[in-house]
Amino acid sequence: MSDETRRLGDYHDQEKEADMVLREVYAALKDKGYNPISQLVGYLLSGDPAYITSHMGARNLIRRFERDELLEELIKQYVRRLELTSSHDG
């Protein structure tokens, strides 16, 4: 993303920002009538920004992060949800 040195507290802020970007991009894709899951998968696999609408600034937003950072955030959210459901089941 940048050549700046990260501070210890900055990682949590970056994680929250990645979450916000994904939510806003999802909303923009849905608002335009696209399947947000398919479009995000296409973008994450190919890196082609054409998968992301420019509506609501979504294309510019998603470019704030590297694809691997966004994928990491998605996996973290998925695992958190798994842990929540498994803790309620057992």
PDB file of N, CA and C in Angstrom:
ATOM      1  N   MET A   1       0.826  -1.174   0.000  1.00  0.00           N
ATOM      2  CA  MET A   1       0.000   0.000   0.000  1.00  0.00           C
ATOM      3  C   MET A   1       0.878   1.247   0.000  1.00  0.00           C
ATOM      4  N   SER A   2       1.661   1.464   1.050  1.00  0.00           N
ATOM      5  CA  SER A   2       2.566   2.596   1.071  1.00  0.00           C
ATOM      6  C   SER A   2       3.873   2.157   1.701  1.00  0.00           C
ATOM      7  N   ASP A   3       4.867   3.028   1.614  1.00  0.00           N
ATOM      8  CA  ASP A   3       6.168   2.715   2.185  1.00  0.00           C
ATOM      9  C   ASP A   3       6.303   3.191   3.620  1.00  0.00           C
ATOM     10  N   GLU A   4       5.199   3.682   4.202  1.00  0.00           N
ATOM     11  CA  GLU A   4       5.239   4.180   5.561  1.00  0.00           C
ATOM     12  C   GLU A   4       5.432   3.036   6.552  1.00  0.00           C
ATOM     13  N   THR A   5       6.147   3.315   7.619  1.00  0.00           N
ATOM     14  CA  THR A   5       6.313   2.348   8.693  1.00  0.00           C
ATOM     15  C   THR A   5       5.022   2.306   9.498  1.00  0.00           C
ATOM     16  N   ARG A   6       4.539   1.114   9.752  1.00  0.00           N
ATOM     17  CA  ARG A   6       3.308   0.967  10.527  1.00  0.00           C
ATOM     18  C   ARG A   6       3.619   1.046  12.010  1.00  0.00           C
ATOM     19  N   ARG A   7       2.737   1.671  12.733  1.00  0.00           N
ATOM     20  CA  ARG A   7       2.814   1.677  14.189  1.00  0.00           C
ATOM     21  C   ARG A   7       1.962   0.536  14.699  1.00  0.00           C
ATOM     22  N   LEU A   8       2.259   0.106  15.903  1.00  0.00           N
ATOM     23  CA  LEU A   8       1.563  -1.041  16.475  1.00  0.00           C
ATOM     24  C   LEU A   8       0.051  -0.875  16.480  1.00  0.00           C
ATOM     25  N   GLY A   9      -0.456   0.285  16.867  1.00  0.00           N
ATOM     26  CA  GLY A   9      -1.889   0.508  16.929  1.00  0.00           C
ATOM     27  C   GLY A   9      -2.545   0.671  15.572  1.00  0.00           C
ATOM     28  N   ASP A  10      -1.757   0.926  14.528  1.00  0.00           N
ATOM     29  CA  ASP A  10      -2.309   1.187  13.207  1.00  0.00           C
ATOM     30  C   ASP A  10      -2.949  -0.034  12.568  1.00  0.00           C
ATOM     31  N   TYR A  11      -2.516  -1.242  12.946  1.00  0.00           N
ATOM     32  CA  TYR A  11      -3.042  -2.441  12.305  1.00  0.00           C
ATOM     33  C   TYR A  11      -4.533  -2.585  12.553  1.00  0.00           C
ATOM     34  N   HIS A  12      -4.959  -2.328  13.772  1.00  0.00           N
ATOM     35  CA  HIS A  12      -6.394  -2.435  14.086  1.00  0.00           C
ATOM     36  C   HIS A  12      -7.188  -1.401  13.299  1.00  0.00           C
ATOM     37  N   ASP A  13      -6.659  -0.193  13.168  1.00  0.00           N
ATOM     38  CA  ASP A  13      -7.326   0.843  12.383  1.00  0.00           C
ATOM     39  C   ASP A  13      -7.438   0.427  10.921  1.00  0.00           C
ATOM     40  N   GLN A  14      -6.381  -0.165  10.390  1.00  0.00           N
ATOM     41  CA  GLN A  14      -6.391  -0.609   8.997  1.00  0.00           C
ATOM     42  C   GLN A  14      -7.411  -1.724   8.795  1.00  0.00           C
ATOM     43  N   GLU A  15      -7.517  -2.611   9.777  1.00  0.00           N
ATOM     44  CA  GLU A  15      -8.485  -3.702   9.705  1.00  0.00           C
ATOM     45  C   GLU A  15      -9.907  -3.142   9.670  1.00  0.00           C
ATOM     46  N   LYS A  16     -10.189  -2.149  10.513  1.00  0.00           N
ATOM     47  CA  LYS A  16     -11.507  -1.521  10.529  1.00  0.00           C
ATOM     48  C   LYS A  16     -11.790  -0.804   9.212  1.00  0.00           C
ATOM     49  N   GLU A  17     -10.759  -0.174   8.639  1.00  0.00           N
ATOM     50  CA  GLU A  17     -10.955   0.523   7.373  1.00  0.00           C
ATOM     51  C   GLU A  17     -11.214  -0.465   6.239  1.00  0.00           C
ATOM     52  N   ALA A  18     -10.521  -1.593   6.233  1.00  0.00           N
ATOM     53  CA  ALA A  18     -10.755  -2.618   5.213  1.00  0.00           C
ATOM     54  C   ALA A  18     -12.181  -3.132   5.301  1.00  0.00           C
ATOM     55  N   ASP A  19     -12.665  -3.332   6.508  1.00  0.00           N
ATOM     56  CA  ASP A  19     -14.044  -3.766   6.713  1.00  0.00           C
ATOM     57  C   ASP A  19     -15.011  -2.730   6.151  1.00  0.00           C
ATOM     58  N   MET A  20     -14.766  -1.458   6.436  1.00  0.00           N
ATOM     59  CA  MET A  20     -15.627  -0.378   5.956  1.00  0.00           C
ATOM     60  C   MET A  20     -15.616  -0.318   4.425  1.00  0.00           C
ATOM     61  N   VAL A  21     -14.444  -0.462   3.833  1.00  0.00           N
ATOM     62  CA  VAL A  21     -14.335  -0.426   2.368  1.00  0.00           C
ATOM     63  C   VAL A  21     -15.128  -1.575   1.754  1.00  0.00           C
ATOM     64  N   LEU A  22     -14.975  -2.763   2.291  1.00  0.00           N
ATOM     65  CA  LEU A  22     -15.709  -3.911   1.761  1.00  0.00           C
ATOM     66  C   LEU A  22     -17.217  -3.711   1.879  1.00  0.00           C
ATOM     67  N   ARG A  23     -17.661  -3.155   2.990  1.00  0.00           N
ATOM     68  CA  ARG A  23     -19.092  -2.902   3.180  1.00  0.00           C
ATOM     69  C   ARG A  23     -19.615  -1.867   2.177  1.00  0.00           C
ATOM     70  N   GLU A  24     -18.856  -0.811   1.977  1.00  0.00           N
ATOM     71  CA  GLU A  24     -19.288   0.239   1.050  1.00  0.00           C
ATOM     72  C   GLU A  24     -19.272  -0.235  -0.394  1.00  0.00           C
ATOM     73  N   VAL A  25     -18.254  -0.997  -0.764  1.00  0.00           N
ATOM     74  CA  VAL A  25     -18.186  -1.543  -2.122  1.00  0.00           C
ATOM     75  C   VAL A  25     -19.335  -2.522  -2.344  1.00  0.00           C
ATOM     76  N   TYR A  26     -19.597  -3.366  -1.353  1.00  0.00           N
ATOM     77  CA  TYR A  26     -20.720  -4.301  -1.427  1.00  0.00           C
ATOM     78  C   TYR A  26     -22.030  -3.545  -1.659  1.00  0.00           C
ATOM     79  N   ALA A  27     -22.241  -2.490  -0.886  1.00  0.00           N
ATOM     80  CA  ALA A  27     -23.474  -1.698  -1.007  1.00  0.00           C
ATOM     81  C   ALA A  27     -23.589  -1.052  -2.382  1.00  0.00           C
ATOM     82  N   ALA A  28     -22.480  -0.534  -2.909  1.00  0.00           N
ATOM     83  CA  ALA A  28     -22.498   0.113  -4.218  1.00  0.00           C
ATOM     84  C   ALA A  28     -22.819  -0.897  -5.318  1.00  0.00           C
ATOM     85  N   LEU A  29     -22.216  -2.078  -5.237  1.00  0.00           N
ATOM     86  CA  LEU A  29     -22.483  -3.113  -6.236  1.00  0.00           C
ATOM     87  C   LEU A  29     -23.947  -3.545  -6.184  1.00  0.00           C
ATOM     88  N   LYS A  30     -24.440  -3.743  -4.983  1.00  0.00           N
ATOM     89  CA  LYS A  30     -25.839  -4.152  -4.815  1.00  0.00           C
ATOM     90  C   LYS A  30     -26.782  -3.066  -5.320  1.00  0.00           C
ATOM     91  N   ASP A  31     -26.462  -1.814  -5.008  1.00  0.00           N
ATOM     92  CA  ASP A  31     -27.280  -0.675  -5.431  1.00  0.00           C
ATOM     93  C   ASP A  31     -27.384  -0.591  -6.955  1.00  0.00           C
ATOM     94  N   LYS A  32     -26.330  -0.976  -7.644  1.00  0.00           N
ATOM     95  CA  LYS A  32     -26.323  -0.931  -9.108  1.00  0.00           C
ATOM     96  C   LYS A  32     -26.911  -2.196  -9.732  1.00  0.00           C
ATOM     97  N   GLY A  33     -27.319  -3.166  -8.899  1.00  0.00           N
ATOM     98  CA  GLY A  33     -27.962  -4.367  -9.420  1.00  0.00           C
ATOM     99  C   GLY A  33     -27.014  -5.501  -9.744  1.00  0.00           C
ATOM    100  N   TYR A  34     -25.764  -5.375  -9.357  1.00  0.00           N
ATOM    101  CA  TYR A  34     -24.796  -6.452  -9.585  1.00  0.00           C
ATOM    102  C   TYR A  34     -24.884  -7.480  -8.469  1.00  0.00           C
ATOM    103  N   ASN A  35     -24.363  -8.673  -8.720  1.00  0.00           N
ATOM    104  CA  ASN A  35     -24.189  -9.677  -7.682  1.00  0.00           C
ATOM    105  C   ASN A  35     -22.865  -9.337  -6.986  1.00  0.00           C
ATOM    106  N   PRO A  36     -22.918  -8.758  -5.789  1.00  0.00           N
ATOM    107  CA  PRO A  36     -21.689  -8.293  -5.142  1.00  0.00           C
ATOM    108  C   PRO A  36     -20.660  -9.391  -4.896  1.00  0.00           C
ATOM    109  N   ILE A  37     -21.124 -10.584  -4.574  1.00  0.00           N
ATOM    110  CA  ILE A  37     -20.195 -11.688  -4.312  1.00  0.00           C
ATOM    111  C   ILE A  37     -19.409 -12.023  -5.580  1.00  0.00           C
ATOM    112  N   SER A  38     -20.121 -12.200  -6.689  1.00  0.00           N
ATOM    113  CA  SER A  38     -19.455 -12.538  -7.950  1.00  0.00           C
ATOM    114  C   SER A  38     -18.483 -11.444  -8.384  1.00  0.00           C
ATOM    115  N   GLN A  39     -18.902 -10.206  -8.232  1.00  0.00           N
ATOM    116  CA  GLN A  39     -18.055  -9.087  -8.659  1.00  0.00           C
ATOM    117  C   GLN A  39     -16.799  -8.994  -7.785  1.00  0.00           C
ATOM    118  N   LEU A  40     -16.967  -9.150  -6.474  1.00  0.00           N
ATOM    119  CA  LEU A  40     -15.805  -9.099  -5.588  1.00  0.00           C
ATOM    120  C   LEU A  40     -14.859 -10.263  -5.834  1.00  0.00           C
ATOM    121  N   VAL A  41     -15.393 -11.449  -6.062  1.00  0.00           N
ATOM    122  CA  VAL A  41     -14.550 -12.605  -6.369  1.00  0.00           C
ATOM    123  C   VAL A  41     -13.780 -12.357  -7.668  1.00  0.00           C
ATOM    124  N   GLY A  42     -14.468 -11.854  -8.675  1.00  0.00           N
ATOM    125  CA  GLY A  42     -13.799 -11.538  -9.939  1.00  0.00           C
ATOM    126  C   GLY A  42     -12.660 -10.561  -9.740  1.00  0.00           C
ATOM    127  N   TYR A  43     -12.901  -9.531  -8.951  1.00  0.00           N
ATOM    128  CA  TYR A  43     -11.854  -8.549  -8.682  1.00  0.00           C
ATOM    129  C   TYR A  43     -10.695  -9.165  -7.903  1.00  0.00           C
ATOM    130  N   LEU A  44     -11.014  -9.910  -6.848  1.00  0.00           N
ATOM    131  CA  LEU A  44      -9.959 -10.487  -6.015  1.00  0.00           C
ATOM    132  C   LEU A  44      -9.108 -11.491  -6.774  1.00  0.00           C
ATOM    133  N   LEU A  45      -9.721 -12.241  -7.689  1.00  0.00           N
ATOM    134  CA  LEU A  45      -8.961 -13.225  -8.467  1.00  0.00           C
ATOM    135  C   LEU A  45      -8.139 -12.586  -9.581  1.00  0.00           C
ATOM    136  N   SER A  46      -8.701 -11.591 -10.242  1.00  0.00           N
ATOM    137  CA  SER A  46      -8.047 -11.047 -11.431  1.00  0.00           C
ATOM    138  C   SER A  46      -7.282  -9.747 -11.184  1.00  0.00           C
ATOM    139  N   GLY A  47      -7.731  -8.979 -10.211  1.00  0.00           N
ATOM    140  CA  GLY A  47      -7.141  -7.661  -9.998  1.00  0.00           C
ATOM    141  C   GLY A  47      -7.673  -6.617 -10.962  1.00  0.00           C
ATOM    142  N   ASP A  48      -8.631  -6.999 -11.783  1.00  0.00           N
ATOM    143  CA  ASP A  48      -9.197  -6.075 -12.770  1.00  0.00           C
ATOM    144  C   ASP A  48     -10.243  -5.189 -12.095  1.00  0.00           C
ATOM    145  N   PRO A  49      -9.970  -3.889 -11.977  1.00  0.00           N
ATOM    146  CA  PRO A  49     -10.917  -2.993 -11.298  1.00  0.00           C
ATOM    147  C   PRO A  49     -12.246  -2.837 -12.026  1.00  0.00           C
ATOM    148  N   ALA A  50     -12.335  -3.306 -13.271  1.00  0.00           N
ATOM    149  CA  ALA A  50     -13.591  -3.216 -14.019  1.00  0.00           C
ATOM    150  C   ALA A  50     -14.694  -4.052 -13.362  1.00  0.00           C
ATOM    151  N   TYR A  51     -14.331  -4.986 -12.502  1.00  0.00           N
ATOM    152  CA  TYR A  51     -15.336  -5.768 -11.781  1.00  0.00           C
ATOM    153  C   TYR A  51     -16.068  -4.931 -10.734  1.00  0.00           C
ATOM    154  N   ILE A  52     -15.479  -3.799 -10.354  1.00  0.00           N
ATOM    155  CA  ILE A  52     -16.045  -2.959  -9.304  1.00  0.00           C
ATOM    156  C   ILE A  52     -16.600  -1.687  -9.926  1.00  0.00           C
ATOM    157  N   THR A  53     -17.843  -1.395  -9.636  1.00  0.00           N
ATOM    158  CA  THR A  53     -18.486  -0.204 -10.171  1.00  0.00           C
ATOM    159  C   THR A  53     -17.810   1.060  -9.635  1.00  0.00           C
ATOM    160  N   SER A  54     -17.889   2.120 -10.403  1.00  0.00           N
ATOM    161  CA  SER A  54     -17.396   3.406  -9.903  1.00  0.00           C
ATOM    162  C   SER A  54     -18.492   4.134  -9.111  1.00  0.00           C
ATOM    163  N   HIS A  55     -19.694   3.579  -9.117  1.00  0.00           N
ATOM    164  CA  HIS A  55     -20.826   4.131  -8.369  1.00  0.00           C
ATOM    165  C   HIS A  55     -20.450   4.294  -6.897  1.00  0.00           C
ATOM    166  N   MET A  56     -20.757   5.439  -6.330  1.00  0.00           N
ATOM    167  CA  MET A  56     -20.473   5.747  -4.931  1.00  0.00           C
ATOM    168  C   MET A  56     -18.971   5.701  -4.600  1.00  0.00           C
ATOM    169  N   GLY A  57     -18.129   5.836  -5.624  1.00  0.00           N
ATOM    170  CA  GLY A  57     -16.683   5.845  -5.409  1.00  0.00           C
ATOM    171  C   GLY A  57     -16.097   4.490  -5.061  1.00  0.00           C
ATOM    172  N   ALA A  58     -16.861   3.415  -5.329  1.00  0.00           N
ATOM    173  CA  ALA A  58     -16.451   2.074  -4.911  1.00  0.00           C
ATOM    174  C   ALA A  58     -15.116   1.643  -5.529  1.00  0.00           C
ATOM    175  N   ARG A  59     -14.901   1.943  -6.786  1.00  0.00           N
ATOM    176  CA  ARG A  59     -13.660   1.517  -7.442  1.00  0.00           C
ATOM    177  C   ARG A  59     -12.445   2.192  -6.793  1.00  0.00           C
ATOM    178  N   ASN A  60     -12.580   3.455  -6.479  1.00  0.00           N
ATOM    179  CA  ASN A  60     -11.473   4.150  -5.813  1.00  0.00           C
ATOM    180  C   ASN A  60     -11.271   3.637  -4.393  1.00  0.00           C
ATOM    181  N   LEU A  61     -12.364   3.340  -3.713  1.00  0.00           N
ATOM    182  CA  LEU A  61     -12.272   2.824  -2.352  1.00  0.00           C
ATOM    183  C   LEU A  61     -11.514   1.504  -2.300  1.00  0.00           C
ATOM    184  N   ILE A  62     -11.876   0.590  -3.188  1.00  0.00           N
ATOM    185  CA  ILE A  62     -11.289  -0.752  -3.113  1.00  0.00           C
ATOM    186  C   ILE A  62      -9.803  -0.732  -3.447  1.00  0.00           C
ATOM    187  N   ARG A  63      -9.383   0.270  -4.195  1.00  0.00           N
ATOM    188  CA  ARG A  63      -7.965   0.374  -4.552  1.00  0.00           C
ATOM    189  C   ARG A  63      -7.100   0.853  -3.391  1.00  0.00           C
ATOM    190  N   ARG A  64      -7.705   1.227  -2.275  1.00  0.00           N
ATOM    191  CA  ARG A  64      -6.928   1.634  -1.098  1.00  0.00           C
ATOM    192  C   ARG A  64      -6.150   0.472  -0.499  1.00  0.00           C
ATOM    193  N   PHE A  65      -6.607  -0.741  -0.788  1.00  0.00           N
ATOM    194  CA  PHE A  65      -6.005  -1.933  -0.202  1.00  0.00           C
ATOM    195  C   PHE A  65      -5.513  -2.872  -1.283  1.00  0.00           C
ATOM    196  N   GLU A  66      -4.483  -3.619  -0.956  1.00  0.00           N
ATOM    197  CA  GLU A  66      -4.036  -4.703  -1.819  1.00  0.00           C
ATOM    198  C   GLU A  66      -5.073  -5.813  -1.741  1.00  0.00           C
ATOM    199  N   ARG A  67      -5.175  -6.588  -2.797  1.00  0.00           N
ATOM    200  CA  ARG A  67      -6.177  -7.660  -2.818  1.00  0.00           C
ATOM    201  C   ARG A  67      -5.957  -8.666  -1.693  1.00  0.00           C
ATOM    202  N   ASP A  68      -4.711  -8.983  -1.371  1.00  0.00           N
ATOM    203  CA  ASP A  68      -4.456  -9.947  -0.301  1.00  0.00           C
ATOM    204  C   ASP A  68      -4.913  -9.403   1.056  1.00  0.00           C
ATOM    205  N   GLU A  69      -4.853  -8.089   1.254  1.00  0.00           N
ATOM    206  CA  GLU A  69      -5.333  -7.499   2.503  1.00  0.00           C
ATOM    207  C   GLU A  69      -6.855  -7.615   2.611  1.00  0.00           C
ATOM    208  N   LEU A  70      -7.534  -7.408   1.496  1.00  0.00           N
ATOM    209  CA  LEU A  70      -8.992  -7.552   1.493  1.00  0.00           C
ATOM    210  C   LEU A  70      -9.399  -9.005   1.713  1.00  0.00           C
ATOM    211  N   LEU A  71      -8.679  -9.899   1.071  1.00  0.00           N
ATOM    212  CA  LEU A  71      -8.960 -11.321   1.242  1.00  0.00           C
ATOM    213  C   LEU A  71      -8.728 -11.747   2.689  1.00  0.00           C
ATOM    214  N   GLU A  72      -7.677 -11.236   3.297  1.00  0.00           N
ATOM    215  CA  GLU A  72      -7.407 -11.537   4.698  1.00  0.00           C
ATOM    216  C   GLU A  72      -8.559 -11.058   5.587  1.00  0.00           C
ATOM    217  N   GLU A  73      -9.072  -9.873   5.327  1.00  0.00           N
ATOM    218  CA  GLU A  73     -10.186  -9.342   6.109  1.00  0.00           C
ATOM    219  C   GLU A  73     -11.433 -10.208   5.932  1.00  0.00           C
ATOM    220  N   LEU A  74     -11.698 -10.635   4.716  1.00  0.00           N
ATOM    221  CA  LEU A  74     -12.863 -11.493   4.471  1.00  0.00           C
ATOM    222  C   LEU A  74     -12.740 -12.822   5.208  1.00  0.00           C
ATOM    223  N   ILE A  75     -11.557 -13.409   5.194  1.00  0.00           N
ATOM    224  CA  ILE A  75     -11.338 -14.681   5.881  1.00  0.00           C
ATOM    225  C   ILE A  75     -11.479 -14.500   7.397  1.00  0.00           C
ATOM    226  N   LYS A  76     -10.945 -13.404   7.915  1.00  0.00           N
ATOM    227  CA  LYS A  76     -11.074 -13.135   9.354  1.00  0.00           C
ATOM    228  C   LYS A  76     -12.549 -13.033   9.748  1.00  0.00           C
ATOM    229  N   GLN A  77     -13.327 -12.319   8.953  1.00  0.00           N
ATOM    230  CA  GLN A  77     -14.753 -12.183   9.259  1.00  0.00           C
ATOM    231  C   GLN A  77     -15.446 -13.543   9.210  1.00  0.00           C
ATOM    232  N   TYR A  78     -15.089 -14.355   8.237  1.00  0.00           N
ATOM    233  CA  TYR A  78     -15.691 -15.675   8.101  1.00  0.00           C
ATOM    234  C   TYR A  78     -15.346 -16.550   9.309  1.00  0.00           C
ATOM    235  N   VAL A  79     -14.076 -16.530   9.705  1.00  0.00           N
ATOM    236  CA  VAL A  79     -13.634 -17.345  10.840  1.00  0.00           C
ATOM    237  C   VAL A  79     -14.287 -16.863  12.130  1.00  0.00           C
ATOM    238  N   ARG A  80     -14.402 -15.555  12.313  1.00  0.00           N
ATOM    239  CA  ARG A  80     -15.085 -15.028  13.506  1.00  0.00           C
ATOM    240  C   ARG A  80     -16.523 -15.549  13.579  1.00  0.00           C
ATOM    241  N   ARG A  81     -17.188 -15.534  12.434  1.00  0.00           N
ATOM    242  CA  ARG A  81     -18.563 -16.020  12.391  1.00  0.00           C
ATOM    243  C   ARG A  81     -18.618 -17.519  12.714  1.00  0.00           C
ATOM    244  N   LEU A  82     -17.665 -18.283  12.188  1.00  0.00           N
ATOM    245  CA  LEU A  82     -17.603 -19.713  12.502  1.00  0.00           C
ATOM    246  C   LEU A  82     -17.402 -19.941  13.988  1.00  0.00           C
ATOM    247  N   GLU A  83     -16.497 -19.167  14.573  1.00  0.00           N
ATOM    248  CA  GLU A  83     -16.215 -19.323  16.000  1.00  0.00           C
ATOM    249  C   GLU A  83     -17.431 -18.958  16.839  1.00  0.00           C
ATOM    250  N   LEU A  84     -18.155 -17.928  16.433  1.00  0.00           N
ATOM    251  CA  LEU A  84     -19.366 -17.540  17.156  1.00  0.00           C
ATOM    252  C   LEU A  84     -20.424 -18.644  17.097  1.00  0.00           C
ATOM    253  N   THR A  85     -20.619 -19.206  15.907  1.00  0.00           N
ATOM    254  CA  THR A  85     -21.647 -20.242  15.760  1.00  0.00           C
ATOM    255  C   THR A  85     -21.238 -21.513  16.490  1.00  0.00           C
ATOM    256  N   SER A  86     -19.965 -21.859  16.436  1.00  0.00           N
ATOM    257  CA  SER A  86     -19.544 -23.090  17.115  1.00  0.00           C
ATOM    258  C   SER A  86     -19.566 -22.919  18.633  1.00  0.00           C
ATOM    259  N   SER A  87     -19.335 -21.706  19.134  1.00  0.00           N
ATOM    260  CA  SER A  87     -19.402 -21.491  20.580  1.00  0.00           C
ATOM    261  C   SER A  87     -20.853 -21.542  21.073  1.00  0.00           C
ATOM    262  N   HIS A  88     -21.804 -21.214  20.216  1.00  0.00           N
ATOM    263  CA  HIS A  88     -23.220 -21.285  20.589  1.00  0.00           C
ATOM    264  C   HIS A  88     -23.744 -22.705  20.483  1.00  0.00           C
ATOM    265  N   ASP A  89     -23.110 -23.521  19.629  1.00  0.00           N
ATOM    266  CA  ASP A  89     -23.555 -24.898  19.430  1.00  0.00           C
ATOM    267  C   ASP A  89     -23.075 -25.828  20.543  1.00  0.00           C
ATOM    268  N   GLY A  90     -21.934 -25.486  21.136  1.00  0.00           N
ATOM    269  CA  GLY A  90     -21.342 -26.439  22.080  1.00  0.00           C
ATOM    270  C   GLY A  90     -21.413 -26.067  23.446  1.00  0.00           C
TER     271      GLY A  90
END
